[in-house]
Amino acid sequence: MTRTGRTLHECMGMGAAGMVALAHFVRHLDTDSATWRAVTGRSEWAGWNDRLTTNRILTDMYDAITALHYNYVRAHSKKKGGKPPKPYPAPWARKDKETRRLGKDPVKARDFWGWWKKKGGDDGRR
């Protein structure tokens, strides 16, 4: 189905008018279809008219702008507090991203190899 709402089967079942409909069908194929890529030879355009791609780019831009704004305000403010902005809620975003922690306290450099051995890591020193 194309953006016109017709399928190829519908276009072929229309007789002589079907050829005009078929030309219209091919003209309005999405850029990720194999026919469009074969006719135009522009395979690098595949998928760029997809709304999901556009939405992901806009969400990333929103997150980058809010992070930039937060950092700018924090750098030019006398108060050094405040919470960093939360990412824009999106269905593809990981839900545990904000609550995930990778450790509770830093390990001092002089204690690192003992801590590493205790965690099961190989010595690494040769």
PDB file of N, CA and C in Angstrom:
ATOM      1  N   MET A   1       0.840  -1.174   0.000  1.00  0.00           N
ATOM      2  CA  MET A   1       0.000   0.000   0.000  1.00  0.00           C
ATOM      3  C   MET A   1       0.889   1.242   0.000  1.00  0.00           C
ATOM      4  N   THR A   2       0.467   2.228  -0.716  1.00  0.00           N
ATOM      5  CA  THR A   2       1.209   3.481  -0.786  1.00  0.00           C
ATOM      6  C   THR A   2       0.501   4.543   0.031  1.00  0.00           C
ATOM      7  N   ARG A   3       1.031   5.746  -0.057  1.00  0.00           N
ATOM      8  CA  ARG A   3       0.404   6.865   0.645  1.00  0.00           C
ATOM      9  C   ARG A   3      -0.956   7.213   0.066  1.00  0.00           C
ATOM     10  N   THR A   4      -1.267   6.709  -1.122  1.00  0.00           N
ATOM     11  CA  THR A   4      -2.577   6.968  -1.724  1.00  0.00           C
ATOM     12  C   THR A   4      -3.648   6.077  -1.130  1.00  0.00           C
ATOM     13  N   GLY A   5      -3.264   5.023  -0.462  1.00  0.00           N
ATOM     14  CA  GLY A   5      -4.227   4.116   0.140  1.00  0.00           C
ATOM     15  C   GLY A   5      -4.624   2.958  -0.754  1.00  0.00           C
ATOM     16  N   ARG A   6      -3.976   2.796  -1.888  1.00  0.00           N
ATOM     17  CA  ARG A   6      -4.290   1.704  -2.813  1.00  0.00           C
ATOM     18  C   ARG A   6      -3.199   0.645  -2.773  1.00  0.00           C
ATOM     19  N   THR A   7      -3.613  -0.587  -3.042  1.00  0.00           N
ATOM     20  CA  THR A   7      -2.654  -1.677  -3.154  1.00  0.00           C
ATOM     21  C   THR A   7      -2.370  -1.932  -4.626  1.00  0.00           C
ATOM     22  N   LEU A   8      -1.313  -2.673  -4.910  1.00  0.00           N
ATOM     23  CA  LEU A   8      -0.962  -3.009  -6.286  1.00  0.00           C
ATOM     24  C   LEU A   8      -2.061  -3.850  -6.925  1.00  0.00           C
ATOM     25  N   HIS A   9      -2.654  -4.733  -6.171  1.00  0.00           N
ATOM     26  CA  HIS A   9      -3.736  -5.577  -6.678  1.00  0.00           C
ATOM     27  C   HIS A   9      -4.928  -4.735  -7.126  1.00  0.00           C
ATOM     28  N   GLU A  10      -5.264  -3.704  -6.387  1.00  0.00           N
ATOM     29  CA  GLU A  10      -6.367  -2.821  -6.769  1.00  0.00           C
ATOM     30  C   GLU A  10      -6.045  -2.077  -8.066  1.00  0.00           C
ATOM     31  N   CYS A  11      -4.814  -1.632  -8.213  1.00  0.00           N
ATOM     32  CA  CYS A  11      -4.424  -0.897  -9.425  1.00  0.00           C
ATOM     33  C   CYS A  11      -4.502  -1.793 -10.655  1.00  0.00           C
ATOM     34  N   MET A  12      -4.083  -3.037 -10.548  1.00  0.00           N
ATOM     35  CA  MET A  12      -4.061  -3.934 -11.698  1.00  0.00           C
ATOM     36  C   MET A  12      -5.469  -4.398 -12.077  1.00  0.00           C
ATOM     37  N   GLY A  13      -6.426  -4.338 -11.187  1.00  0.00           N
ATOM     38  CA  GLY A  13      -7.785  -4.790 -11.474  1.00  0.00           C
ATOM     39  C   GLY A  13      -8.675  -3.705 -12.053  1.00  0.00           C
ATOM     40  N   MET A  14      -8.116  -2.565 -12.429  1.00  0.00           N
ATOM     41  CA  MET A  14      -8.935  -1.452 -12.903  1.00  0.00           C
ATOM     42  C   MET A  14      -8.935  -1.309 -14.426  1.00  0.00           C
ATOM     43  N   GLY A  15      -8.396  -2.253 -15.175  1.00  0.00           N
ATOM     44  CA  GLY A  15      -8.397  -2.185 -16.645  1.00  0.00           C
ATOM     45  C   GLY A  15      -7.475  -1.095 -17.159  1.00  0.00           C
ATOM     46  N   ALA A  16      -7.940  -0.323 -18.175  1.00  0.00           N
ATOM     47  CA  ALA A  16      -7.123   0.736 -18.784  1.00  0.00           C
ATOM     48  C   ALA A  16      -6.786   1.821 -17.780  1.00  0.00           C
ATOM     49  N   ALA A  17      -7.732   2.124 -16.913  1.00  0.00           N
ATOM     50  CA  ALA A  17      -7.456   3.120 -15.877  1.00  0.00           C
ATOM     51  C   ALA A  17      -6.413   2.605 -14.896  1.00  0.00           C
ATOM     52  N   GLY A  18      -6.238   1.289 -14.921  1.00  0.00           N
ATOM     53  CA  GLY A  18      -5.263   0.678 -14.025  1.00  0.00           C
ATOM     54  C   GLY A  18      -3.836   1.073 -14.351  1.00  0.00           C
ATOM     55  N   MET A  19      -3.538   1.353 -15.616  1.00  0.00           N
ATOM     56  CA  MET A  19      -2.182   1.760 -15.989  1.00  0.00           C
ATOM     57  C   MET A  19      -1.867   3.145 -15.428  1.00  0.00           C
ATOM     58  N   VAL A  20      -2.834   4.040 -15.476  1.00  0.00           N
ATOM     59  CA  VAL A  20      -2.654   5.363 -14.871  1.00  0.00           C
ATOM     60  C   VAL A  20      -2.522   5.211 -13.354  1.00  0.00           C
ATOM     61  N   ALA A  21      -3.360   4.336 -12.794  1.00  0.00           N
ATOM     62  CA  ALA A  21      -3.296   4.094 -11.356  1.00  0.00           C
ATOM     63  C   ALA A  21      -1.964   3.442 -10.969  1.00  0.00           C
ATOM     64  N   LEU A  22      -1.481   2.551 -11.852  1.00  0.00           N
ATOM     65  CA  LEU A  22      -0.198   1.903 -11.584  1.00  0.00           C
ATOM     66  C   LEU A  22       0.941   2.924 -11.613  1.00  0.00           C
ATOM     67  N   ALA A  23       0.923   3.826 -12.588  1.00  0.00           N
ATOM     68  CA  ALA A  23       1.946   4.876 -12.642  1.00  0.00           C
ATOM     69  C   ALA A  23       1.878   5.761 -11.402  1.00  0.00           C
ATOM     70  N   HIS A  24       0.669   6.070 -10.977  1.00  0.00           N
ATOM     71  CA  HIS A  24       0.484   6.855  -9.757  1.00  0.00           C
ATOM     72  C   HIS A  24       0.961   6.080  -8.540  1.00  0.00           C
ATOM     73  N   PHE A  25       0.696   4.779  -8.538  1.00  0.00           N
ATOM     74  CA  PHE A  25       1.126   3.906  -7.445  1.00  0.00           C
ATOM     75  C   PHE A  25       2.648   3.921  -7.318  1.00  0.00           C
ATOM     76  N   VAL A  26       3.341   3.715  -8.452  1.00  0.00           N
ATOM     77  CA  VAL A  26       4.808   3.676  -8.433  1.00  0.00           C
ATOM     78  C   VAL A  26       5.379   5.045  -8.069  1.00  0.00           C
ATOM     79  N   ARG A  27       4.763   6.122  -8.556  1.00  0.00           N
ATOM     80  CA  ARG A  27       5.241   7.472  -8.264  1.00  0.00           C
ATOM     81  C   ARG A  27       5.164   7.807  -6.771  1.00  0.00           C
ATOM     82  N   HIS A  28       4.217   7.202  -6.066  1.00  0.00           N
ATOM     83  CA  HIS A  28       4.017   7.519  -4.654  1.00  0.00           C
ATOM     84  C   HIS A  28       4.486   6.426  -3.701  1.00  0.00           C
ATOM     85  N   LEU A  29       5.364   5.564  -4.160  1.00  0.00           N
ATOM     86  CA  LEU A  29       5.939   4.558  -3.259  1.00  0.00           C
ATOM     87  C   LEU A  29       6.845   5.247  -2.240  1.00  0.00           C
ATOM     88  N   ASP A  30       6.949   4.660  -1.067  1.00  0.00           N
ATOM     89  CA  ASP A  30       7.839   5.202  -0.050  1.00  0.00           C
ATOM     90  C   ASP A  30       9.292   4.927  -0.422  1.00  0.00           C
ATOM     91  N   THR A  31      10.191   5.707   0.134  1.00  0.00           N
ATOM     92  CA  THR A  31      11.610   5.584  -0.212  1.00  0.00           C
ATOM     93  C   THR A  31      12.248   4.305   0.292  1.00  0.00           C
ATOM     94  N   ASP A  32      11.586   3.578   1.182  1.00  0.00           N
ATOM     95  CA  ASP A  32      12.183   2.333   1.655  1.00  0.00           C
ATOM     96  C   ASP A  32      11.718   1.116   0.848  1.00  0.00           C
ATOM     97  N   SER A  33      10.918   1.325  -0.199  1.00  0.00           N
ATOM     98  CA  SER A  33      10.480   0.199  -1.025  1.00  0.00           C
ATOM     99  C   SER A  33      11.572  -0.163  -2.035  1.00  0.00           C
ATOM    100  N   ALA A  34      11.633  -1.454  -2.371  1.00  0.00           N
ATOM    101  CA  ALA A  34      12.640  -1.934  -3.324  1.00  0.00           C
ATOM    102  C   ALA A  34      12.402  -1.356  -4.719  1.00  0.00           C
ATOM    103  N   THR A  35      11.144  -1.180  -5.101  1.00  0.00           N
ATOM    104  CA  THR A  35      10.838  -0.622  -6.430  1.00  0.00           C
ATOM    105  C   THR A  35      11.338   0.813  -6.534  1.00  0.00           C
ATOM    106  N   TRP A  36      11.087   1.618  -5.521  1.00  0.00           N
ATOM    107  CA  TRP A  36      11.537   3.012  -5.541  1.00  0.00           C
ATOM    108  C   TRP A  36      13.052   3.090  -5.651  1.00  0.00           C
ATOM    109  N   ARG A  37      13.754   2.230  -4.879  1.00  0.00           N
ATOM    110  CA  ARG A  37      15.228   2.232  -4.924  1.00  0.00           C
ATOM    111  C   ARG A  37      15.743   1.786  -6.279  1.00  0.00           C
ATOM    112  N   ALA A  38      15.056   0.797  -6.919  1.00  0.00           N
ATOM    113  CA  ALA A  38      15.492   0.318  -8.231  1.00  0.00           C
ATOM    114  C   ALA A  38      15.246   1.370  -9.311  1.00  0.00           C
ATOM    115  N   VAL A  39      14.136   2.069  -9.245  1.00  0.00           N
ATOM    116  CA  VAL A  39      13.803   3.065 -10.264  1.00  0.00           C
ATOM    117  C   VAL A  39      14.689   4.298 -10.140  1.00  0.00           C
ATOM    118  N   THR A  40      14.908   4.769  -8.929  1.00  0.00           N
ATOM    119  CA  THR A  40      15.669   6.009  -8.742  1.00  0.00           C
ATOM    120  C   THR A  40      17.164   5.781  -8.580  1.00  0.00           C
ATOM    121  N   GLY A  41      17.560   4.603  -8.102  1.00  0.00           N
ATOM    122  CA  GLY A  41      18.975   4.333  -7.861  1.00  0.00           C
ATOM    123  C   GLY A  41      19.519   5.024  -6.620  1.00  0.00           C
ATOM    124  N   ARG A  42      18.658   5.456  -5.741  1.00  0.00           N
ATOM    125  CA  ARG A  42      19.085   6.168  -4.527  1.00  0.00           C
ATOM    126  C   ARG A  42      18.811   5.320  -3.289  1.00  0.00           C
ATOM    127  N   SER A  43      19.570   4.263  -3.115  1.00  0.00           N
ATOM    128  CA  SER A  43      19.340   3.372  -1.976  1.00  0.00           C
ATOM    129  C   SER A  43      19.719   4.025  -0.649  1.00  0.00           C
ATOM    130  N   GLU A  44      20.561   5.067  -0.686  1.00  0.00           N
ATOM    131  CA  GLU A  44      20.951   5.725   0.577  1.00  0.00           C
ATOM    132  C   GLU A  44      19.806   6.530   1.181  1.00  0.00           C
ATOM    133  N   TRP A  45      18.748   6.773   0.426  1.00  0.00           N
ATOM    134  CA  TRP A  45      17.590   7.512   0.938  1.00  0.00           C
ATOM    135  C   TRP A  45      16.594   6.608   1.637  1.00  0.00           C
ATOM    136  N   ALA A  46      16.813   5.313   1.596  1.00  0.00           N
ATOM    137  CA  ALA A  46      15.842   4.356   2.133  1.00  0.00           C
ATOM    138  C   ALA A  46      15.561   4.624   3.610  1.00  0.00           C
ATOM    139  N   GLY A  47      14.302   4.751   3.932  1.00  0.00           N
ATOM    140  CA  GLY A  47      13.884   4.905   5.316  1.00  0.00           C
ATOM    141  C   GLY A  47      13.887   6.306   5.871  1.00  0.00           C
ATOM    142  N   TRP A  48      14.335   7.287   5.103  1.00  0.00           N
ATOM    143  CA  TRP A  48      14.431   8.647   5.652  1.00  0.00           C
ATOM    144  C   TRP A  48      13.115   9.398   5.677  1.00  0.00           C
ATOM    145  N   ASN A  49      12.075   8.858   5.055  1.00  0.00           N
ATOM    146  CA  ASN A  49      10.781   9.513   5.175  1.00  0.00           C
ATOM    147  C   ASN A  49       9.946   8.879   6.282  1.00  0.00           C
ATOM    148  N   ASP A  50      10.542   7.979   7.012  1.00  0.00           N
ATOM    149  CA  ASP A  50       9.868   7.295   8.105  1.00  0.00           C
ATOM    150  C   ASP A  50       9.667   8.258   9.277  1.00  0.00           C
ATOM    151  N   ARG A  51       8.483   8.289   9.836  1.00  0.00           N
ATOM    152  CA  ARG A  51       8.210   9.187  10.957  1.00  0.00           C
ATOM    153  C   ARG A  51       8.998   8.808  12.196  1.00  0.00           C
ATOM    154  N   LEU A  52       9.259   7.506  12.385  1.00  0.00           N
ATOM    155  CA  LEU A  52      10.001   7.079  13.564  1.00  0.00           C
ATOM    156  C   LEU A  52      11.421   7.647  13.546  1.00  0.00           C
ATOM    157  N   THR A  53      12.059   7.642  12.376  1.00  0.00           N
ATOM    158  CA  THR A  53      13.399   8.210  12.260  1.00  0.00           C
ATOM    159  C   THR A  53      13.374   9.691  12.608  1.00  0.00           C
ATOM    160  N   THR A  54      12.403  10.407  12.067  1.00  0.00           N
ATOM    161  CA  THR A  54      12.269  11.837  12.351  1.00  0.00           C
ATOM    162  C   THR A  54      12.008  12.074  13.827  1.00  0.00           C
ATOM    163  N   ASN A  55      11.149  11.278  14.410  1.00  0.00           N
ATOM    164  CA  ASN A  55      10.843  11.443  15.836  1.00  0.00           C
ATOM    165  C   ASN A  55      12.060  11.163  16.706  1.00  0.00           C
ATOM    166  N   ARG A  56      12.858  10.180  16.345  1.00  0.00           N
ATOM    167  CA  ARG A  56      14.071   9.895  17.129  1.00  0.00           C
ATOM    168  C   ARG A  56      15.065  11.053  17.043  1.00  0.00           C
ATOM    169  N   ILE A  57      15.214  11.617  15.857  1.00  0.00           N
ATOM    170  CA  ILE A  57      16.131  12.746  15.688  1.00  0.00           C
ATOM    171  C   ILE A  57      15.648  13.946  16.497  1.00  0.00           C
ATOM    172  N   LEU A  58      14.349  14.242  16.435  1.00  0.00           N
ATOM    173  CA  LEU A  58      13.806  15.369  17.193  1.00  0.00           C
ATOM    174  C   LEU A  58      13.933  15.148  18.698  1.00  0.00           C
ATOM    175  N   THR A  59      13.717  13.925  19.152  1.00  0.00           N
ATOM    176  CA  THR A  59      13.862  13.621  20.576  1.00  0.00           C
ATOM    177  C   THR A  59      15.305  13.798  21.019  1.00  0.00           C
ATOM    178  N   ASP A  60      16.255  13.331  20.210  1.00  0.00           N
ATOM    179  CA  ASP A  60      17.671  13.522  20.539  1.00  0.00           C
ATOM    180  C   ASP A  60      18.036  15.001  20.580  1.00  0.00           C
ATOM    181  N   MET A  61      17.496  15.769  19.635  1.00  0.00           N
ATOM    182  CA  MET A  61      17.771  17.210  19.628  1.00  0.00           C
ATOM    183  C   MET A  61      17.188  17.881  20.867  1.00  0.00           C
ATOM    184  N   TYR A  62      15.976  17.503  21.258  1.00  0.00           N
ATOM    185  CA  TYR A  62      15.354  18.060  22.455  1.00  0.00           C
ATOM    186  C   TYR A  62      16.205  17.758  23.687  1.00  0.00           C
ATOM    187  N   ASP A  63      16.653  16.501  23.820  1.00  0.00           N
ATOM    188  CA  ASP A  63      17.479  16.121  24.971  1.00  0.00           C
ATOM    189  C   ASP A  63      18.797  16.886  24.985  1.00  0.00           C
ATOM    190  N   ALA A  64      19.404  17.077  23.808  1.00  0.00           N
ATOM    191  CA  ALA A  64      20.673  17.816  23.736  1.00  0.00           C
ATOM    192  C   ALA A  64      20.479  19.279  24.102  1.00  0.00           C
ATOM    193  N   ILE A  65      19.397  19.886  23.638  1.00  0.00           N
ATOM    194  CA  ILE A  65      19.142  21.303  23.950  1.00  0.00           C
ATOM    195  C   ILE A  65      18.846  21.500  25.426  1.00  0.00           C
ATOM    196  N   THR A  66      18.055  20.596  26.023  1.00  0.00           N
ATOM    197  CA  THR A  66      17.767  20.741  27.456  1.00  0.00           C
ATOM    198  C   THR A  66      19.029  20.521  28.288  1.00  0.00           C
ATOM    199  N   ALA A  67      19.894  19.591  27.883  1.00  0.00           N
ATOM    200  CA  ALA A  67      21.151  19.381  28.603  1.00  0.00           C
ATOM    201  C   ALA A  67      22.061  20.602  28.470  1.00  0.00           C
ATOM    202  N   LEU A  68      22.124  21.183  27.275  1.00  0.00           N
ATOM    203  CA  LEU A  68      22.920  22.386  27.052  1.00  0.00           C
ATOM    204  C   LEU A  68      22.392  23.549  27.886  1.00  0.00           C
ATOM    205  N   HIS A  69      21.089  23.714  27.922  1.00  0.00           N
ATOM    206  CA  HIS A  69      20.477  24.788  28.711  1.00  0.00           C
ATOM    207  C   HIS A  69      20.765  24.595  30.198  1.00  0.00           C
ATOM    208  N   TYR A  70      20.624  23.354  30.682  1.00  0.00           N
ATOM    209  CA  TYR A  70      20.901  23.061  32.089  1.00  0.00           C
ATOM    210  C   TYR A  70      22.359  23.389  32.431  1.00  0.00           C
ATOM    211  N   ASN A  71      23.285  22.963  31.581  1.00  0.00           N
ATOM    212  CA  ASN A  71      24.707  23.216  31.848  1.00  0.00           C
ATOM    213  C   ASN A  71      25.033  24.702  31.782  1.00  0.00           C
ATOM    214  N   TYR A  72      24.421  25.420  30.849  1.00  0.00           N
ATOM    215  CA  TYR A  72      24.667  26.853  30.737  1.00  0.00           C
ATOM    216  C   TYR A  72      24.161  27.593  31.974  1.00  0.00           C
ATOM    217  N   VAL A  73      22.940  27.278  32.388  1.00  0.00           N
ATOM    218  CA  VAL A  73      22.367  27.935  33.569  1.00  0.00           C
ATOM    219  C   VAL A  73      23.171  27.594  34.807  1.00  0.00           C
ATOM    220  N   ARG A  74      23.582  26.349  34.930  1.00  0.00           N
ATOM    221  CA  ARG A  74      24.352  25.933  36.108  1.00  0.00           C
ATOM    222  C   ARG A  74      25.718  26.608  36.147  1.00  0.00           C
ATOM    223  N   ALA A  75      26.341  26.785  34.988  1.00  0.00           N
ATOM    224  CA  ALA A  75      27.658  27.415  34.942  1.00  0.00           C
ATOM    225  C   ALA A  75      27.585  28.912  35.226  1.00  0.00           C
ATOM    226  N   HIS A  76      26.470  29.551  34.913  1.00  0.00           N
ATOM    227  CA  HIS A  76      26.354  30.991  35.076  1.00  0.00           C
ATOM    228  C   HIS A  76      25.458  31.394  36.247  1.00  0.00           C
ATOM    229  N   SER A  77      25.240  30.480  37.148  1.00  0.00           N
ATOM    230  CA  SER A  77      24.398  30.763  38.306  1.00  0.00           C
ATOM    231  C   SER A  77      25.242  30.708  39.574  1.00  0.00           C
ATOM    232  N   LYS A  78      24.849  31.470  40.563  1.00  0.00           N
ATOM    233  CA  LYS A  78      25.565  31.426  41.835  1.00  0.00           C
ATOM    234  C   LYS A  78      25.197  30.177  42.613  1.00  0.00           C
ATOM    235  N   LYS A  79      23.986  29.664  42.411  1.00  0.00           N
ATOM    236  CA  LYS A  79      23.570  28.421  43.056  1.00  0.00           C
ATOM    237  C   LYS A  79      24.096  27.251  42.234  1.00  0.00           C
ATOM    238  N   LYS A  80      24.714  26.300  42.886  1.00  0.00           N
ATOM    239  CA  LYS A  80      25.308  25.160  42.177  1.00  0.00           C
ATOM    240  C   LYS A  80      24.488  23.886  42.375  1.00  0.00           C
ATOM    241  N   GLY A  81      23.211  23.997  42.553  1.00  0.00           N
ATOM    242  CA  GLY A  81      22.370  22.815  42.741  1.00  0.00           C
ATOM    243  C   GLY A  81      21.490  22.579  41.539  1.00  0.00           C
ATOM    244  N   GLY A  82      20.449  21.842  41.778  1.00  0.00           N
ATOM    245  CA  GLY A  82      19.485  21.570  40.720  1.00  0.00           C
ATOM    246  C   GLY A  82      19.655  20.189  40.136  1.00  0.00           C
ATOM    247  N   LYS A  83      18.546  19.656  39.700  1.00  0.00           N
ATOM    248  CA  LYS A  83      18.570  18.321  39.092  1.00  0.00           C
ATOM    249  C   LYS A  83      18.760  18.448  37.587  1.00  0.00           C
ATOM    250  N   PRO A  84      19.544  17.549  37.006  1.00  0.00           N
ATOM    251  CA  PRO A  84      19.676  17.572  35.555  1.00  0.00           C
ATOM    252  C   PRO A  84      18.339  17.214  34.900  1.00  0.00           C
ATOM    253  N   PRO A  85      18.111  17.659  33.682  1.00  0.00           N
ATOM    254  CA  PRO A  85      16.825  17.382  33.032  1.00  0.00           C
ATOM    255  C   PRO A  85      16.663  15.900  32.716  1.00  0.00           C
ATOM    256  N   LYS A  86      15.428  15.447  32.780  1.00  0.00           N
ATOM    257  CA  LYS A  86      15.129  14.061  32.413  1.00  0.00           C
ATOM    258  C   LYS A  86      14.974  13.990  30.903  1.00  0.00           C
ATOM    259  N   PRO A  87      15.354  12.871  30.305  1.00  0.00           N
ATOM    260  CA  PRO A  87      15.181  12.738  28.856  1.00  0.00           C
ATOM    261  C   PRO A  87      13.702  12.775  28.483  1.00  0.00           C
ATOM    262  N   TYR A  88      13.442  13.195  27.273  1.00  0.00           N
ATOM    263  CA  TYR A  88      12.074  13.249  26.785  1.00  0.00           C
ATOM    264  C   TYR A  88      11.500  11.833  26.780  1.00  0.00           C
ATOM    265  N   PRO A  89      10.304  11.635  27.307  1.00  0.00           N
ATOM    266  CA  PRO A  89       9.751  10.273  27.352  1.00  0.00           C
ATOM    267  C   PRO A  89       9.450   9.762  25.944  1.00  0.00           C
ATOM    268  N   ALA A  90      10.044   8.650  25.607  1.00  0.00           N
ATOM    269  CA  ALA A  90       9.851   8.047  24.293  1.00  0.00           C
ATOM    270  C   ALA A  90       9.642   6.552  24.471  1.00  0.00           C
ATOM    271  N   PRO A  91       8.837   5.932  23.627  1.00  0.00           N
ATOM    272  CA  PRO A  91       8.565   4.505  23.795  1.00  0.00           C
ATOM    273  C   PRO A  91       9.786   3.616  23.588  1.00  0.00           C
ATOM    274  N   TRP A  92      10.794   4.075  22.850  1.00  0.00           N
ATOM    275  CA  TRP A  92      11.978   3.254  22.599  1.00  0.00           C
ATOM    276  C   TRP A  92      13.053   3.444  23.656  1.00  0.00           C
ATOM    277  N   ALA A  93      12.876   4.396  24.564  1.00  0.00           N
ATOM    278  CA  ALA A  93      13.886   4.663  25.596  1.00  0.00           C
ATOM    279  C   ALA A  93      13.834   3.586  26.674  1.00  0.00           C
ATOM    280  N   ARG A  94      14.986   3.288  27.221  1.00  0.00           N
ATOM    281  CA  ARG A  94      15.047   2.320  28.316  1.00  0.00           C
ATOM    282  C   ARG A  94      14.445   2.932  29.561  1.00  0.00           C
ATOM    283  N   LYS A  95      13.632   2.169  30.245  1.00  0.00           N
ATOM    284  CA  LYS A  95      12.948   2.675  31.432  1.00  0.00           C
ATOM    285  C   LYS A  95      13.870   2.722  32.649  1.00  0.00           C
ATOM    286  N   ASP A  96      14.853   1.836  32.708  1.00  0.00           N
ATOM    287  CA  ASP A  96      15.726   1.767  33.878  1.00  0.00           C
ATOM    288  C   ASP A  96      16.956   2.659  33.752  1.00  0.00           C
ATOM    289  N   LYS A  97      17.031   3.479  32.726  1.00  0.00           N
ATOM    290  CA  LYS A  97      18.217   4.291  32.458  1.00  0.00           C
ATOM    291  C   LYS A  97      18.512   5.274  33.588  1.00  0.00           C
ATOM    292  N   GLU A  98      17.476   5.857  34.183  1.00  0.00           N
ATOM    293  CA  GLU A  98      17.687   6.870  35.211  1.00  0.00           C
ATOM    294  C   GLU A  98      18.030   6.255  36.569  1.00  0.00           C
ATOM    295  N   THR A  99      17.562   5.041  36.833  1.00  0.00           N
ATOM    296  CA  THR A  99      17.767   4.448  38.142  1.00  0.00           C
ATOM    297  C   THR A  99      18.950   3.485  38.181  1.00  0.00           C
ATOM    298  N   ARG A 100      19.557   3.215  37.068  1.00  0.00           N
ATOM    299  CA  ARG A 100      20.656   2.255  37.015  1.00  0.00           C
ATOM    300  C   ARG A 100      21.908   2.842  37.648  1.00  0.00           C
ATOM    301  N   ARG A 101      22.499   2.087  38.550  1.00  0.00           N
ATOM    302  CA  ARG A 101      23.737   2.517  39.202  1.00  0.00           C
ATOM    303  C   ARG A 101      24.823   1.487  38.943  1.00  0.00           C
ATOM    304  N   LEU A 102      26.034   1.958  38.779  1.00  0.00           N
ATOM    305  CA  LEU A 102      27.145   1.051  38.483  1.00  0.00           C
ATOM    306  C   LEU A 102      28.083   0.874  39.662  1.00  0.00           C
ATOM    307  N   GLY A 103      27.725   1.294  40.815  1.00  0.00           N
ATOM    308  CA  GLY A 103      28.544   1.160  42.004  1.00  0.00           C
ATOM    309  C   GLY A 103      28.132   2.203  43.014  1.00  0.00           C
ATOM    310  N   LYS A 104      28.487   1.958  44.275  1.00  0.00           N
ATOM    311  CA  LYS A 104      28.047   2.938  45.263  1.00  0.00           C
ATOM    312  C   LYS A 104      29.144   3.910  45.644  1.00  0.00           C
ATOM    313  N   ASP A 105      30.392   3.470  45.676  1.00  0.00           N
ATOM    314  CA  ASP A 105      31.496   4.344  46.061  1.00  0.00           C
ATOM    315  C   ASP A 105      32.675   4.127  45.122  1.00  0.00           C
ATOM    316  N   PRO A 106      33.470   5.157  44.885  1.00  0.00           N
ATOM    317  CA  PRO A 106      34.663   4.966  44.057  1.00  0.00           C
ATOM    318  C   PRO A 106      35.723   4.163  44.810  1.00  0.00           C
ATOM    319  N   VAL A 107      36.539   3.448  44.055  1.00  0.00           N
ATOM    320  CA  VAL A 107      37.630   2.673  44.634  1.00  0.00           C
ATOM    321  C   VAL A 107      38.898   3.507  44.497  1.00  0.00           C
ATOM    322  N   LYS A 108      39.646   3.636  45.571  1.00  0.00           N
ATOM    323  CA  LYS A 108      40.890   4.411  45.530  1.00  0.00           C
ATOM    324  C   LYS A 108      41.917   3.684  44.662  1.00  0.00           C
ATOM    325  N   ALA A 109      42.789   4.433  44.043  1.00  0.00           N
ATOM    326  CA  ALA A 109      43.765   3.866  43.115  1.00  0.00           C
ATOM    327  C   ALA A 109      44.655   2.832  43.794  1.00  0.00           C
ATOM    328  N   ARG A 110      45.047   3.095  45.023  1.00  0.00           N
ATOM    329  CA  ARG A 110      45.944   2.143  45.702  1.00  0.00           C
ATOM    330  C   ARG A 110      45.235   0.842  46.075  1.00  0.00           C
ATOM    331  N   ASP A 111      43.902   0.859  46.153  1.00  0.00           N
ATOM    332  CA  ASP A 111      43.137  -0.334  46.525  1.00  0.00           C
ATOM    333  C   ASP A 111      42.530  -1.045  45.320  1.00  0.00           C
ATOM    334  N   PHE A 112      42.776  -0.543  44.124  1.00  0.00           N
ATOM    335  CA  PHE A 112      42.071  -1.060  42.950  1.00  0.00           C
ATOM    336  C   PHE A 112      42.352  -2.531  42.703  1.00  0.00           C
ATOM    337  N   TRP A 113      43.607  -2.966  42.676  1.00  0.00           N
ATOM    338  CA  TRP A 113      43.911  -4.358  42.309  1.00  0.00           C
ATOM    339  C   TRP A 113      43.362  -5.341  43.331  1.00  0.00           C
ATOM    340  N   GLY A 114      43.377  -4.996  44.592  1.00  0.00           N
ATOM    341  CA  GLY A 114      42.752  -5.863  45.598  1.00  0.00           C
ATOM    342  C   GLY A 114      41.256  -5.969  45.378  1.00  0.00           C
ATOM    343  N   TRP A 115      40.617  -4.862  45.090  1.00  0.00           N
ATOM    344  CA  TRP A 115      39.177  -4.851  44.808  1.00  0.00           C
ATOM    345  C   TRP A 115      38.876  -5.657  43.546  1.00  0.00           C
ATOM    346  N   TRP A 116      39.730  -5.511  42.535  1.00  0.00           N
ATOM    347  CA  TRP A 116      39.518  -6.217  41.273  1.00  0.00           C
ATOM    348  C   TRP A 116      39.628  -7.725  41.449  1.00  0.00           C
ATOM    349  N   LYS A 117      40.612  -8.176  42.239  1.00  0.00           N
ATOM    350  CA  LYS A 117      40.757  -9.610  42.488  1.00  0.00           C
ATOM    351  C   LYS A 117      39.559 -10.139  43.273  1.00  0.00           C
ATOM    352  N   LYS A 118      39.090  -9.354  44.225  1.00  0.00           N
ATOM    353  CA  LYS A 118      37.940  -9.758  45.026  1.00  0.00           C
ATOM    354  C   LYS A 118      36.686  -9.911  44.151  1.00  0.00           C
ATOM    355  N   LYS A 119      36.563  -9.107  43.122  1.00  0.00           N
ATOM    356  CA  LYS A 119      35.422  -9.192  42.212  1.00  0.00           C
ATOM    357  C   LYS A 119      35.587 -10.291  41.175  1.00  0.00           C
ATOM    358  N   GLY A 120      36.730 -10.973  41.154  1.00  0.00           N
ATOM    359  CA  GLY A 120      36.930 -12.077  40.222  1.00  0.00           C
ATOM    360  C   GLY A 120      37.673 -11.697  38.962  1.00  0.00           C
ATOM    361  N   GLY A 121      38.206 -10.510  38.890  1.00  0.00           N
ATOM    362  CA  GLY A 121      38.942 -10.096  37.707  1.00  0.00           C
ATOM    363  C   GLY A 121      40.354 -10.671  37.709  1.00  0.00           C
ATOM    364  N   ASP A 122      40.933 -10.831  36.551  1.00  0.00           N
ATOM    365  CA  ASP A 122      42.310 -11.339  36.493  1.00  0.00           C
ATOM    366  C   ASP A 122      43.262 -10.186  36.797  1.00  0.00           C
ATOM    367  N   ASP A 123      44.447 -10.503  37.224  1.00  0.00           N
ATOM    368  CA  ASP A 123      45.377  -9.482  37.735  1.00  0.00           C
ATOM    369  C   ASP A 123      45.719  -8.434  36.690  1.00  0.00           C
ATOM    370  N   GLY A 124      45.970  -8.838  35.474  1.00  0.00           N
ATOM    371  CA  GLY A 124      46.261  -7.863  34.426  1.00  0.00           C
ATOM    372  C   GLY A 124      47.685  -7.324  34.469  1.00  0.00           C
ATOM    373  N   ARG A 125      48.333  -7.391  35.625  1.00  0.00           N
ATOM    374  CA  ARG A 125      49.717  -6.928  35.705  1.00  0.00           C
ATOM    375  C   ARG A 125      50.622  -8.059  35.231  1.00  0.00           C
ATOM    376  N   ARG A 126      51.608  -7.726  34.474  1.00  0.00           N
ATOM    377  CA  ARG A 126      52.501  -8.775  33.930  1.00  0.00           C
ATOM    378  C   ARG A 126      53.892  -8.562  34.402  1.00  0.00           C
TER     379      ARG A 126
END
